[in-house]
Amino acid sequence: MRLGQRIGGWVDSLVGVFSPSRAEARQESRARAAMYQRYAAAKVDEYGPAGLGALDRNPNHLIGDRAAVLRARTRKLVRDFSLFARAVNAVVALTVGPGFSFQYKLRDQDGAPARALNAQVEEAWAEWSEECDLAGEITFPEFEALARRQQVEVGEALAVMPLDNAAAGIPLRLQMFEPDFLSGWGARPAGEVDIIQGLEVDRRTGKVLAGWFENPLRPLESKRIERADMVHYFQRLRPGQLRGVTPLAPAVLAAMDLGEYVGAEIEGAMLAARVFAVAESANPAQYAQARANSTISDSEGKVKTKVRDIGRHITEIIKPGEKFTLTSPNRPGAQFEPTANFFTRLIAVAADLSFELVSGNYNGLSFSNQKGVRADLIMLALPAQQTMIRRWHMPIFRRWLDVAHLCGRLHLPNYWQLRRMYWRQVRWGLPRIASTDILRETKALMDQIKAGLISPQEILASMGLDPEDTLKGIAEFQDLAADLNVTLDWAKASTGLKQNPASLGAPDSEA
């Protein structure tokens, strides 16, 4: 092998004398071939990891070569493997939940909230959210959950934003596609562009100009969609990356191994539950001859050997000179559950989740552990939520606001001159994770308000609530209580920590 590499190097050097560019291409191809040979072990020899990380590829080549296979595998695992399905469901529930709340916070020239205009925008968005699907099937919160599910399961979510002139209200609509529709087959680009995995990319800047959509049922029939008319949401892990990869990719092999391991253990337990016996005959030769002569023919004329079956209700099966010895196969050992839990942790880590969320096993989880787990989940969910806002919500909102102003549904003064300013006034309320100690958190927030470190508006916004709607609701409730002669004395409500379950004697080892 080393001699072949030397000869190849000599040939590359000779070619480089006449054509340096051709020699460079030959060297790159040789490096890729070497990488494929070492990909599984990532080492030069069996004794040392000298080759670890020595070779790599462009992220788009690396993703594009096996993206379809990886998507198919993760989809199958989500369909057939309960832990993968649980991981995807948990990620969607954690980061999206019932959906992101929409608030518009425009202020007038004097700095006061433009309440009338804000209410107009929020009402228009709420109305459009109910009818945004081109097929008329799902609402915008359901689109959010579906987009996040696609991003976790196959690495990316893809949608186009067509105009439906026959629709009532704001004519903008959404239509989601599987990432498999994004393909370069049959593309006919013009100009200095490259088609990389279905995306039309400017060679000079690397900017995505359009996407080429191909119907998998009708190959080579591609349609070009401008980048401004599509939404492509994925997590970028490397510079220049154009397509997404599922975060569950590192756990695919572990999940497949766990599936085989669990299947083998279950099969062992089923076999152990049956009756096995070893037959001993005084005349083995006669027994073998009798068995060889005991044959039947099926409908196709194929010869089959009869095999004696020991049923559960058979009592007389021993022939003269023959005896049976019952055997006891081993059932799954004590290492089954620890091993299965280890593989489950690998899946949970890949999905940025806790072991308890993926496994559904909360045994031994203490009150203090719950608080630590919740803090970790919030820390891991926040970047994913912000990425979704930037790459999913904001492109849709910007196009929606343009169309809403053009069709006359919204009247925004000097919109085209102040377009980006209007875009920045939206606030997306993040779904909250349930608290494990709401009393302590409430007291901490009240102390921060008293110290002037945070405003009630910020707290309500973090809970996905609109401050103005909250205060109006409180006022309406107080008016209703007064009409019914009910005295409200909320000021006497105590936030003392002695009401906390942990302070009332609840053992810390219990959930």
Protein backbone atom coordinates (compact mmCIF):
# COMPACT_ATOMS: atom_id res chain seq x y z
CA MET A 1 0.00 0.00 0.00
CA ARG A 2 2.81 2.38 0.89
CA LEU A 3 4.58 1.54 -2.40
CA GLY A 4 1.37 2.38 -4.27
CA GLN A 5 1.16 5.72 -2.49
CA ARG A 6 4.75 6.51 -3.44
CA ILE A 7 4.14 5.65 -7.09
CA GLY A 8 0.99 7.75 -7.06
CA GLY A 9 2.94 10.66 -5.58
CA TRP A 10 5.59 10.39 -8.31
CA VAL A 11 2.90 10.38 -11.00
CA ASP A 12 1.20 13.43 -9.42
CA SER A 13 4.52 15.25 -9.39
CA LEU A 14 5.13 14.40 -13.04
CA VAL A 15 1.66 15.59 -14.03
CA GLY A 16 2.23 18.78 -12.02
CA VAL A 17 5.11 19.72 -14.28
CA PHE A 18 2.73 20.08 -17.21
CA SER A 19 -0.59 20.85 -15.48
CA PRO A 20 -0.53 22.03 -11.83
CA SER A 21 -4.33 22.20 -11.60
CA ARG A 22 -4.70 18.60 -12.77
CA ALA A 23 -2.09 17.47 -10.26
CA GLU A 24 -3.97 19.26 -7.48
CA ALA A 25 -7.21 17.50 -8.46
CA ARG A 26 -5.42 14.11 -8.43
CA GLN A 27 -4.03 14.79 -4.96
CA GLU A 28 -7.45 15.74 -3.63
CA SER A 29 -8.99 12.54 -5.05
CA ARG A 30 -6.19 10.49 -3.51
CA ALA A 31 -6.78 12.13 -0.12
CA ARG A 32 -10.51 11.35 -0.30
CA ALA A 33 -9.79 7.71 -1.15
CA ALA A 34 -7.48 7.48 1.84
CA MET A 35 -10.13 9.03 4.05
CA TYR A 36 -12.72 6.45 3.00
CA GLN A 37 -10.28 3.67 3.84
CA ARG A 38 -9.73 5.07 7.34
CA TYR A 39 -13.19 6.42 8.10
CA ALA A 40 -14.35 3.54 10.27
CA ALA A 41 -11.25 3.25 12.44
CA ALA A 42 -9.86 6.79 11.99
CA LYS A 43 -6.34 5.54 12.55
CA VAL A 44 -3.29 4.56 10.54
CA ASP A 45 -2.66 1.21 12.21
CA GLU A 46 -4.24 -0.94 14.89
CA TYR A 47 -1.89 0.27 17.62
CA GLY A 48 -2.18 4.03 17.49
CA PRO A 49 -4.70 6.77 16.64
CA ALA A 50 -2.17 8.71 14.57
CA GLY A 51 -4.68 9.36 11.82
CA LEU A 52 -7.47 10.76 14.00
CA GLY A 53 -8.77 13.96 12.48
CA ALA A 54 -6.05 13.98 9.84
CA LEU A 55 -8.48 14.08 6.92
CA ASP A 56 -11.81 15.81 6.51
CA ARG A 57 -14.10 17.06 3.77
CA ASN A 58 -16.08 20.09 2.83
CA PRO A 59 -19.25 20.03 5.00
CA ASN A 60 -21.54 20.16 1.98
CA HIS A 61 -19.81 17.19 0.35
CA LEU A 62 -19.82 15.31 3.63
CA ILE A 63 -23.52 15.94 4.19
CA GLY A 64 -24.63 15.50 0.60
CA ASP A 65 -23.04 12.10 0.00
CA ARG A 66 -25.09 10.24 2.61
CA ALA A 67 -27.86 12.65 3.56
CA ALA A 68 -30.66 10.57 2.02
CA VAL A 69 -29.52 7.40 3.81
CA LEU A 70 -29.18 9.23 7.13
CA ARG A 71 -32.65 10.74 6.81
CA ALA A 72 -34.15 7.34 6.00
CA ARG A 73 -32.47 5.72 9.00
CA THR A 74 -33.59 8.35 11.51
CA ARG A 75 -37.14 8.28 10.14
CA LYS A 76 -37.22 4.51 10.54
CA LEU A 77 -35.88 4.73 14.09
CA VAL A 78 -38.51 7.34 14.99
CA ARG A 79 -41.20 5.10 13.52
CA ASP A 80 -40.05 1.83 15.03
CA PHE A 81 -37.94 2.62 18.09
CA SER A 82 -39.77 4.02 21.10
CA LEU A 83 -36.77 5.84 22.61
CA PHE A 84 -36.10 7.77 19.39
CA ALA A 85 -39.78 8.69 19.11
CA ARG A 86 -39.77 9.80 22.75
CA ALA A 87 -36.63 11.92 22.19
CA VAL A 88 -38.17 13.74 19.22
CA ASN A 89 -41.46 14.32 21.05
CA ALA A 90 -39.61 15.63 24.11
CA VAL A 91 -37.50 18.08 22.08
CA VAL A 92 -40.59 19.45 20.33
CA ALA A 93 -42.52 19.77 23.59
CA LEU A 94 -39.56 21.40 25.33
CA THR A 95 -38.70 24.03 22.70
CA VAL A 96 -42.08 24.70 21.05
CA GLY A 97 -44.77 23.43 23.41
CA PRO A 98 -48.11 25.05 22.56
CA GLY A 99 -46.34 27.57 20.32
CA PHE A 100 -44.50 30.88 20.51
CA SER A 101 -46.62 33.86 21.52
CA PHE A 102 -46.74 36.87 19.20
CA GLN A 103 -46.46 40.43 20.54
CA TYR A 104 -45.97 43.66 18.64
CA LYS A 105 -44.31 46.53 20.55
CA LEU A 106 -44.28 49.57 18.26
CA ARG A 107 -43.89 52.99 19.90
CA ASP A 108 -44.91 56.37 18.56
CA GLN A 109 -42.67 59.41 18.09
CA ASP A 110 -43.07 60.37 21.76
CA GLY A 111 -41.91 56.94 22.92
CA ALA A 112 -45.35 55.88 24.13
CA PRO A 113 -46.74 52.46 23.10
CA ALA A 114 -48.77 52.67 19.88
CA ARG A 115 -51.53 50.55 21.38
CA ALA A 116 -54.05 50.89 18.58
CA LEU A 117 -51.57 49.95 15.85
CA ASN A 118 -50.05 47.15 17.96
CA ALA A 119 -53.50 45.68 18.55
CA GLN A 120 -54.21 45.90 14.82
CA VAL A 121 -51.04 43.99 13.93
CA GLU A 122 -51.59 41.34 16.62
CA GLU A 123 -55.19 40.80 15.54
CA ALA A 124 -54.16 40.47 11.89
CA TRP A 125 -51.49 37.93 12.82
CA ALA A 126 -53.91 35.90 14.98
CA GLU A 127 -56.40 35.81 12.14
CA TRP A 128 -53.76 34.78 9.59
CA SER A 129 -52.35 32.09 11.91
CA GLU A 130 -55.65 30.23 11.69
CA GLU A 131 -55.66 30.15 7.88
CA CYS A 132 -51.98 30.26 6.88
CA ASP A 133 -51.83 26.72 5.48
CA LEU A 134 -52.17 26.54 1.69
CA ALA A 135 -54.08 23.28 2.07
CA GLY A 136 -56.21 24.72 4.86
CA GLU A 137 -55.39 21.91 7.28
CA ILE A 138 -53.15 23.20 10.11
CA THR A 139 -52.52 26.43 12.00
CA PHE A 140 -49.28 28.34 12.51
CA PRO A 141 -48.53 26.83 15.97
CA GLU A 142 -48.84 23.42 14.34
CA PHE A 143 -46.43 24.59 11.63
CA GLU A 144 -43.99 25.54 14.40
CA ALA A 145 -44.16 22.08 15.96
CA LEU A 146 -43.87 20.38 12.56
CA ALA A 147 -40.86 22.51 11.58
CA ARG A 148 -39.07 21.73 14.82
CA ARG A 149 -39.88 18.03 14.46
CA GLN A 150 -38.47 18.03 10.92
CA GLN A 151 -35.31 19.81 12.08
CA VAL A 152 -34.72 17.23 14.82
CA GLU A 153 -35.72 14.15 12.87
CA VAL A 154 -34.07 14.83 9.49
CA GLY A 155 -31.96 17.93 10.15
CA GLU A 156 -33.91 20.67 8.38
CA ALA A 157 -37.37 22.11 7.76
CA LEU A 158 -38.34 23.43 4.35
CA ALA A 159 -41.30 25.58 3.33
CA VAL A 160 -42.33 27.94 0.56
CA MET A 161 -44.48 31.07 0.90
CA PRO A 162 -46.79 31.30 -2.13
CA LEU A 163 -49.45 33.94 -2.67
CA ASP A 164 -53.02 32.68 -2.92
CA ASN A 165 -54.99 35.48 -4.55
CA ALA A 166 -58.24 33.59 -4.10
CA ALA A 167 -57.79 33.50 -0.33
CA ALA A 168 -59.57 35.92 1.97
CA GLY A 169 -57.62 38.32 4.15
CA ILE A 170 -53.84 38.37 3.79
CA PRO A 171 -53.12 36.14 0.74
CA LEU A 172 -49.75 34.82 1.95
CA ARG A 173 -49.76 31.06 2.57
CA LEU A 174 -47.31 28.40 3.79
CA GLN A 175 -46.58 25.02 2.25
CA MET A 176 -44.08 22.62 3.85
CA PHE A 177 -42.03 20.06 1.95
CA GLU A 178 -39.82 17.17 2.92
CA PRO A 179 -36.11 18.03 2.50
CA ASP A 180 -35.96 15.28 -0.16
CA PHE A 181 -37.76 17.65 -2.53
CA LEU A 182 -34.69 19.91 -2.57
CA SER A 183 -32.66 18.38 -5.37
CA GLY A 184 -30.42 19.56 -8.18
CA TRP A 185 -31.52 16.97 -10.72
CA GLY A 186 -32.84 18.66 -13.83
CA ALA A 187 -31.73 22.13 -12.66
CA ARG A 188 -30.87 24.63 -15.39
CA PRO A 189 -28.92 27.42 -13.68
CA ALA A 190 -27.73 30.55 -15.45
CA GLY A 191 -24.72 32.71 -14.61
CA GLU A 192 -21.82 32.17 -12.22
CA VAL A 193 -23.62 29.83 -9.84
CA ASP A 194 -23.25 26.29 -8.52
CA ILE A 195 -26.01 23.83 -7.67
CA ILE A 196 -25.15 22.27 -4.32
CA GLN A 197 -27.67 19.74 -2.98
CA GLY A 198 -30.54 21.53 -4.68
CA LEU A 199 -29.48 25.05 -3.69
CA GLU A 200 -28.36 27.61 -6.23
CA VAL A 201 -25.29 29.28 -4.75
CA ASP A 202 -23.31 32.31 -5.91
CA ARG A 203 -19.74 31.13 -6.57
CA ARG A 204 -18.20 34.39 -5.45
CA THR A 205 -20.01 35.03 -2.17
CA GLY A 206 -21.52 31.65 -1.25
CA LYS A 207 -24.94 33.27 -0.93
CA VAL A 208 -27.97 31.07 -1.59
CA LEU A 209 -29.96 32.56 -4.48
CA ALA A 210 -32.69 29.97 -4.98
CA GLY A 211 -33.76 26.40 -4.37
CA TRP A 212 -34.53 23.75 -6.97
CA PHE A 213 -37.52 21.62 -5.99
CA GLU A 214 -37.98 18.21 -7.57
CA ASN A 215 -41.02 15.99 -7.17
CA PRO A 216 -39.67 12.56 -6.15
CA LEU A 217 -42.58 10.99 -8.05
CA ARG A 218 -41.58 12.83 -11.25
CA PRO A 219 -37.78 12.86 -11.56
CA LEU A 220 -35.99 15.56 -13.54
CA GLU A 221 -38.94 17.96 -13.27
CA SER A 222 -37.38 20.70 -11.16
CA LYS A 223 -38.82 24.09 -10.30
CA ARG A 224 -36.76 27.08 -9.23
CA ILE A 225 -37.95 28.93 -6.11
CA GLU A 226 -36.35 32.26 -5.17
CA ARG A 227 -34.63 32.29 -1.79
CA ALA A 228 -36.91 35.09 -0.60
CA ASP A 229 -39.93 32.86 -1.27
CA MET A 230 -38.72 29.90 0.80
CA VAL A 231 -37.90 29.17 4.43
CA HIS A 232 -34.99 26.85 5.14
CA TYR A 233 -34.51 26.21 8.84
CA PHE A 234 -31.56 24.16 10.13
CA GLN A 235 -28.74 24.41 12.65
CA ARG A 236 -25.47 25.53 11.11
CA LEU A 237 -22.52 23.68 12.65
CA ARG A 238 -19.73 24.57 10.20
CA PRO A 239 -18.94 27.67 8.09
CA GLY A 240 -20.36 27.44 4.62
CA GLN A 241 -22.81 24.68 5.55
CA LEU A 242 -25.88 24.76 3.28
CA ARG A 243 -27.96 21.78 4.44
CA GLY A 244 -28.86 20.46 7.86
CA VAL A 245 -28.05 17.23 9.68
CA THR A 246 -30.19 15.69 12.39
CA PRO A 247 -28.74 16.15 15.89
CA LEU A 248 -29.63 12.50 16.49
CA ALA A 249 -27.03 11.35 13.95
CA PRO A 250 -24.39 10.48 16.61
CA ALA A 251 -26.94 8.21 18.31
CA VAL A 252 -28.08 6.26 15.25
CA LEU A 253 -25.54 3.48 15.63
CA ALA A 254 -26.09 3.31 19.39
CA ALA A 255 -29.85 3.05 18.84
CA MET A 256 -29.42 0.28 16.30
CA ASP A 257 -27.12 -1.61 18.71
CA LEU A 258 -29.59 -1.12 21.55
CA GLY A 259 -32.44 -2.39 19.37
CA GLU A 260 -30.51 -5.55 18.55
CA TYR A 261 -29.48 -6.00 22.17
CA VAL A 262 -33.03 -5.62 23.49
CA GLY A 263 -34.36 -7.93 20.79
CA ALA A 264 -31.79 -10.60 21.62
CA GLU A 265 -32.55 -10.38 25.35
CA ILE A 266 -36.30 -10.58 24.76
CA GLU A 267 -35.81 -13.56 22.46
CA GLY A 268 -33.64 -15.20 25.14
CA ALA A 269 -36.35 -14.63 27.75
CA MET A 270 -39.00 -16.13 25.43
CA LEU A 271 -36.84 -19.16 24.77
CA ALA A 272 -36.17 -19.57 28.48
CA ALA A 273 -39.91 -19.60 29.11
CA ARG A 274 -40.36 -22.66 26.87
CA VAL A 275 -39.65 -26.32 27.66
CA PHE A 276 -36.43 -27.69 26.17
CA ALA A 277 -35.41 -31.34 26.35
CA VAL A 278 -32.50 -33.46 25.16
CA ALA A 279 -33.44 -36.91 23.80
CA GLU A 280 -31.20 -39.92 24.53
CA SER A 281 -31.69 -43.19 22.61
CA ALA A 282 -30.22 -46.64 23.27
CA ASN A 283 -29.73 -47.11 19.50
CA PRO A 284 -28.64 -43.76 17.99
CA ALA A 285 -28.01 -45.27 14.55
CA GLN A 286 -31.52 -46.70 14.35
CA TYR A 287 -32.97 -43.38 15.58
CA ALA A 288 -31.07 -41.42 12.93
CA GLN A 289 -32.14 -43.83 10.18
CA ALA A 290 -35.76 -43.63 11.26
CA ARG A 291 -35.62 -39.85 11.23
CA ALA A 292 -34.01 -39.80 7.78
CA ASN A 293 -36.75 -42.01 6.39
CA SER A 294 -39.48 -39.88 7.96
CA THR A 295 -40.05 -37.39 5.14
CA ILE A 296 -43.00 -35.71 3.44
CA SER A 297 -43.46 -33.75 0.23
CA ASP A 298 -45.10 -30.35 0.06
CA SER A 299 -47.33 -28.97 -2.72
CA GLU A 300 -44.27 -28.09 -4.83
CA GLY A 301 -42.76 -31.53 -4.51
CA LYS A 302 -40.01 -30.43 -2.12
CA VAL A 303 -38.97 -33.02 0.47
CA LYS A 304 -39.17 -32.00 4.12
CA THR A 305 -38.04 -33.90 7.20
CA LYS A 306 -40.56 -34.49 9.96
CA VAL A 307 -39.50 -33.06 13.30
CA ARG A 308 -41.20 -34.28 16.45
CA ASP A 309 -42.71 -31.44 18.47
CA ILE A 310 -43.20 -31.68 22.24
CA GLY A 311 -46.49 -30.01 23.02
CA ARG A 312 -47.55 -28.66 26.39
CA HIS A 313 -50.23 -31.35 26.97
CA ILE A 314 -48.37 -34.44 25.71
CA THR A 315 -47.67 -36.93 28.49
CA GLU A 316 -46.55 -40.11 26.65
CA ILE A 317 -43.69 -39.27 24.30
CA ILE A 318 -40.89 -41.63 25.40
CA LYS A 319 -40.24 -44.64 23.21
CA PRO A 320 -38.71 -47.87 24.54
CA GLY A 321 -35.03 -47.33 25.31
CA GLU A 322 -35.37 -43.55 25.05
CA LYS A 323 -35.30 -40.85 27.72
CA PHE A 324 -35.60 -37.04 27.82
CA THR A 325 -33.62 -34.61 29.98
CA LEU A 326 -35.16 -31.16 30.52
CA THR A 327 -32.83 -28.17 30.17
CA SER A 328 -33.02 -24.70 31.73
CA PRO A 329 -31.75 -21.93 29.40
CA ASN A 330 -30.54 -18.80 31.14
CA ARG A 331 -32.82 -15.78 31.22
CA PRO A 332 -31.44 -12.24 30.67
CA GLY A 333 -28.93 -11.41 33.37
CA ALA A 334 -28.69 -8.57 35.85
CA GLN A 335 -26.65 -6.46 33.39
CA PHE A 336 -29.57 -6.01 31.00
CA GLU A 337 -31.08 -2.90 32.58
CA PRO A 338 -27.77 -1.07 33.25
CA THR A 339 -26.67 -1.71 29.66
CA ALA A 340 -29.99 -0.53 28.23
CA ASN A 341 -29.81 2.59 30.43
CA PHE A 342 -26.30 3.32 29.15
CA PHE A 343 -27.48 3.27 25.52
CA THR A 344 -30.48 5.41 26.48
CA ARG A 345 -28.15 8.02 27.96
CA LEU A 346 -26.26 8.16 24.65
CA ILE A 347 -29.52 8.94 22.84
CA ALA A 348 -30.49 11.54 25.46
CA VAL A 349 -27.12 13.30 25.21
CA ALA A 350 -27.36 13.49 21.41
CA ALA A 351 -30.82 15.09 21.70
CA ASP A 352 -29.71 17.54 24.46
CA LEU A 353 -32.20 15.97 26.85
CA SER A 354 -32.00 14.36 30.25
CA PHE A 355 -31.99 10.60 30.73
CA GLU A 356 -35.28 10.80 32.63
CA LEU A 357 -37.10 12.57 29.79
CA VAL A 358 -36.06 10.00 27.19
CA SER A 359 -36.46 6.87 29.32
CA GLY A 360 -39.51 7.94 31.31
CA ASN A 361 -37.72 6.55 34.38
CA TYR A 362 -37.79 8.97 37.32
CA ASN A 363 -36.75 6.51 40.02
CA GLY A 364 -34.35 7.98 42.56
CA LEU A 365 -34.71 11.53 41.26
CA SER A 366 -34.59 13.92 44.20
CA PHE A 367 -36.10 17.38 44.52
CA SER A 368 -32.67 18.97 44.16
CA ASN A 369 -31.94 16.84 41.08
CA GLN A 370 -35.15 18.04 39.47
CA LYS A 371 -34.09 21.65 39.85
CA GLY A 372 -30.68 20.93 38.35
CA VAL A 373 -32.19 19.01 35.43
CA ARG A 374 -34.65 21.84 34.75
CA ALA A 375 -31.84 24.42 34.73
CA ASP A 376 -29.88 22.31 32.24
CA LEU A 377 -32.91 21.87 29.98
CA ILE A 378 -33.56 25.62 29.94
CA MET A 379 -29.91 26.31 29.13
CA LEU A 380 -29.97 23.83 26.22
CA ALA A 381 -33.42 24.80 24.91
CA LEU A 382 -32.80 28.56 24.74
CA PRO A 383 -30.21 28.54 21.88
CA ALA A 384 -32.43 26.19 19.87
CA GLN A 385 -35.43 28.48 20.40
CA GLN A 386 -33.46 31.56 19.35
CA THR A 387 -32.21 29.76 16.23
CA MET A 388 -35.77 28.83 15.33
CA ILE A 389 -36.89 32.44 15.75
CA ARG A 390 -34.13 33.74 13.48
CA ARG A 391 -34.39 31.10 10.76
CA TRP A 392 -38.11 30.19 10.82
CA HIS A 393 -40.25 32.85 12.47
CA MET A 394 -38.57 36.02 11.25
CA PRO A 395 -38.41 35.16 7.51
CA ILE A 396 -42.11 34.32 7.61
CA PHE A 397 -42.99 37.42 9.63
CA ARG A 398 -41.04 39.76 7.35
CA ARG A 399 -42.78 38.41 4.25
CA TRP A 400 -46.14 38.48 6.06
CA LEU A 401 -45.75 42.14 7.07
CA ASP A 402 -44.80 43.12 3.50
CA VAL A 403 -47.86 41.38 2.07
CA ALA A 404 -50.17 42.67 4.82
CA HIS A 405 -49.15 46.25 4.04
CA LEU A 406 -49.35 45.77 0.25
CA CYS A 407 -52.85 44.28 0.35
CA GLY A 408 -54.12 47.04 2.65
CA ARG A 409 -54.83 44.85 5.66
CA LEU A 410 -52.38 46.94 7.71
CA HIS A 411 -51.70 50.67 7.33
CA LEU A 412 -48.18 51.34 8.60
CA PRO A 413 -46.95 54.94 8.12
CA ASN A 414 -43.85 55.27 5.90
CA TYR A 415 -43.55 51.50 5.82
CA TRP A 416 -41.10 51.12 2.96
CA GLN A 417 -38.79 53.83 4.33
CA LEU A 418 -38.96 52.35 7.87
CA ARG A 419 -39.37 48.74 6.84
CA ARG A 420 -36.57 47.26 8.97
CA MET A 421 -37.67 49.28 11.98
CA TYR A 422 -41.15 47.75 11.70
CA TRP A 423 -39.60 44.28 11.47
CA ARG A 424 -37.72 44.75 14.72
CA GLN A 425 -40.84 45.53 16.80
CA VAL A 426 -42.04 41.94 17.01
CA ARG A 427 -41.48 39.95 20.21
CA TRP A 428 -41.72 36.18 20.29
CA GLY A 429 -42.67 34.80 23.69
CA LEU A 430 -40.82 31.56 24.46
CA PRO A 431 -42.73 28.54 25.77
CA ARG A 432 -41.96 28.03 29.44
CA ILE A 433 -40.72 24.92 31.17
CA ALA A 434 -42.79 24.00 34.22
CA SER A 435 -41.19 25.05 37.47
CA THR A 436 -40.19 22.56 40.15
CA ASP A 437 -40.30 25.22 42.87
CA ILE A 438 -42.67 27.99 41.83
CA LEU A 439 -42.76 29.49 45.33
CA ARG A 440 -39.02 30.14 45.48
CA GLU A 441 -38.96 31.42 41.90
CA THR A 442 -41.85 33.80 42.56
CA LYS A 443 -40.15 35.16 45.66
CA ALA A 444 -36.88 35.63 43.74
CA LEU A 445 -38.68 37.50 40.96
CA MET A 446 -40.48 39.74 43.45
CA ASP A 447 -37.15 40.57 45.10
CA GLN A 448 -35.66 41.47 41.70
CA ILE A 449 -38.61 43.75 40.96
CA LYS A 450 -38.23 45.51 44.31
CA ALA A 451 -34.51 45.96 43.69
CA GLY A 452 -35.20 47.48 40.26
CA LEU A 453 -33.31 44.74 38.43
CA ILE A 454 -36.22 43.62 36.27
CA SER A 455 -39.63 44.92 35.24
CA PRO A 456 -42.96 43.07 35.51
CA GLN A 457 -43.28 43.43 31.73
CA GLU A 458 -40.12 41.41 31.20
CA ILE A 459 -41.34 38.66 33.52
CA LEU A 460 -44.72 38.44 31.78
CA ALA A 461 -43.04 38.43 28.37
CA SER A 462 -40.78 35.56 29.45
CA MET A 463 -43.94 33.65 30.39
CA GLY A 464 -45.41 34.27 26.94
CA LEU A 465 -48.01 36.72 28.31
CA ASP A 466 -48.90 40.18 27.11
CA PRO A 467 -48.60 42.72 29.98
CA GLU A 468 -51.51 44.82 28.79
CA ASP A 469 -53.82 41.83 28.38
CA THR A 470 -52.77 40.55 31.81
CA LEU A 471 -53.61 43.84 33.53
CA LYS A 472 -56.92 44.09 31.67
CA GLY A 473 -57.77 40.58 32.81
CA ILE A 474 -56.97 41.46 36.44
CA ALA A 475 -59.11 44.61 36.22
CA GLU A 476 -62.01 42.65 34.76
CA PHE A 477 -61.71 40.06 37.51
CA GLN A 478 -61.68 42.74 40.20
CA ASP A 479 -64.76 44.39 38.66
CA LEU A 480 -66.51 41.01 38.55
CA ALA A 481 -65.64 40.35 42.22
CA ALA A 482 -67.00 43.78 43.19
CA ASP A 483 -70.26 43.13 41.29
CA LEU A 484 -70.67 39.86 43.17
CA ASN A 485 -69.68 41.39 46.54
CA VAL A 486 -66.59 39.19 46.85
CA THR A 487 -63.71 40.64 48.84
CA LEU A 488 -60.25 40.01 47.38
CA ASP A 489 -57.34 40.28 49.77
CA TRP A 490 -54.37 39.17 47.69
CA ALA A 491 -51.99 41.37 49.64
CA LYS A 492 -52.06 38.92 52.54
CA ALA A 493 -50.84 36.02 50.38
CA SER A 494 -47.57 34.80 51.85
CA THR A 495 -44.48 33.80 49.90
CA GLY A 496 -42.74 32.38 52.94
CA LEU A 497 -40.54 29.44 52.13
CA LYS A 498 -42.04 27.38 54.97
CA GLN A 499 -44.87 26.54 52.56
CA ASN A 500 -42.37 24.87 50.28
CA PRO A 501 -42.81 21.06 50.23
CA ALA A 502 -39.10 20.59 50.85
CA SER A 503 -39.43 22.67 54.02
CA LEU A 504 -42.41 20.68 55.23
CA GLY A 505 -40.43 17.52 55.70
CA ALA A 506 -40.54 16.00 52.20
CA PRO A 507 -37.48 13.72 51.86
CA ASP A 508 -34.96 15.03 49.34
CA SER A 509 -34.60 11.56 47.84
CA GLU A 510 -38.19 11.58 46.62
CA ALA A 511 -39.37 13.28 43.46
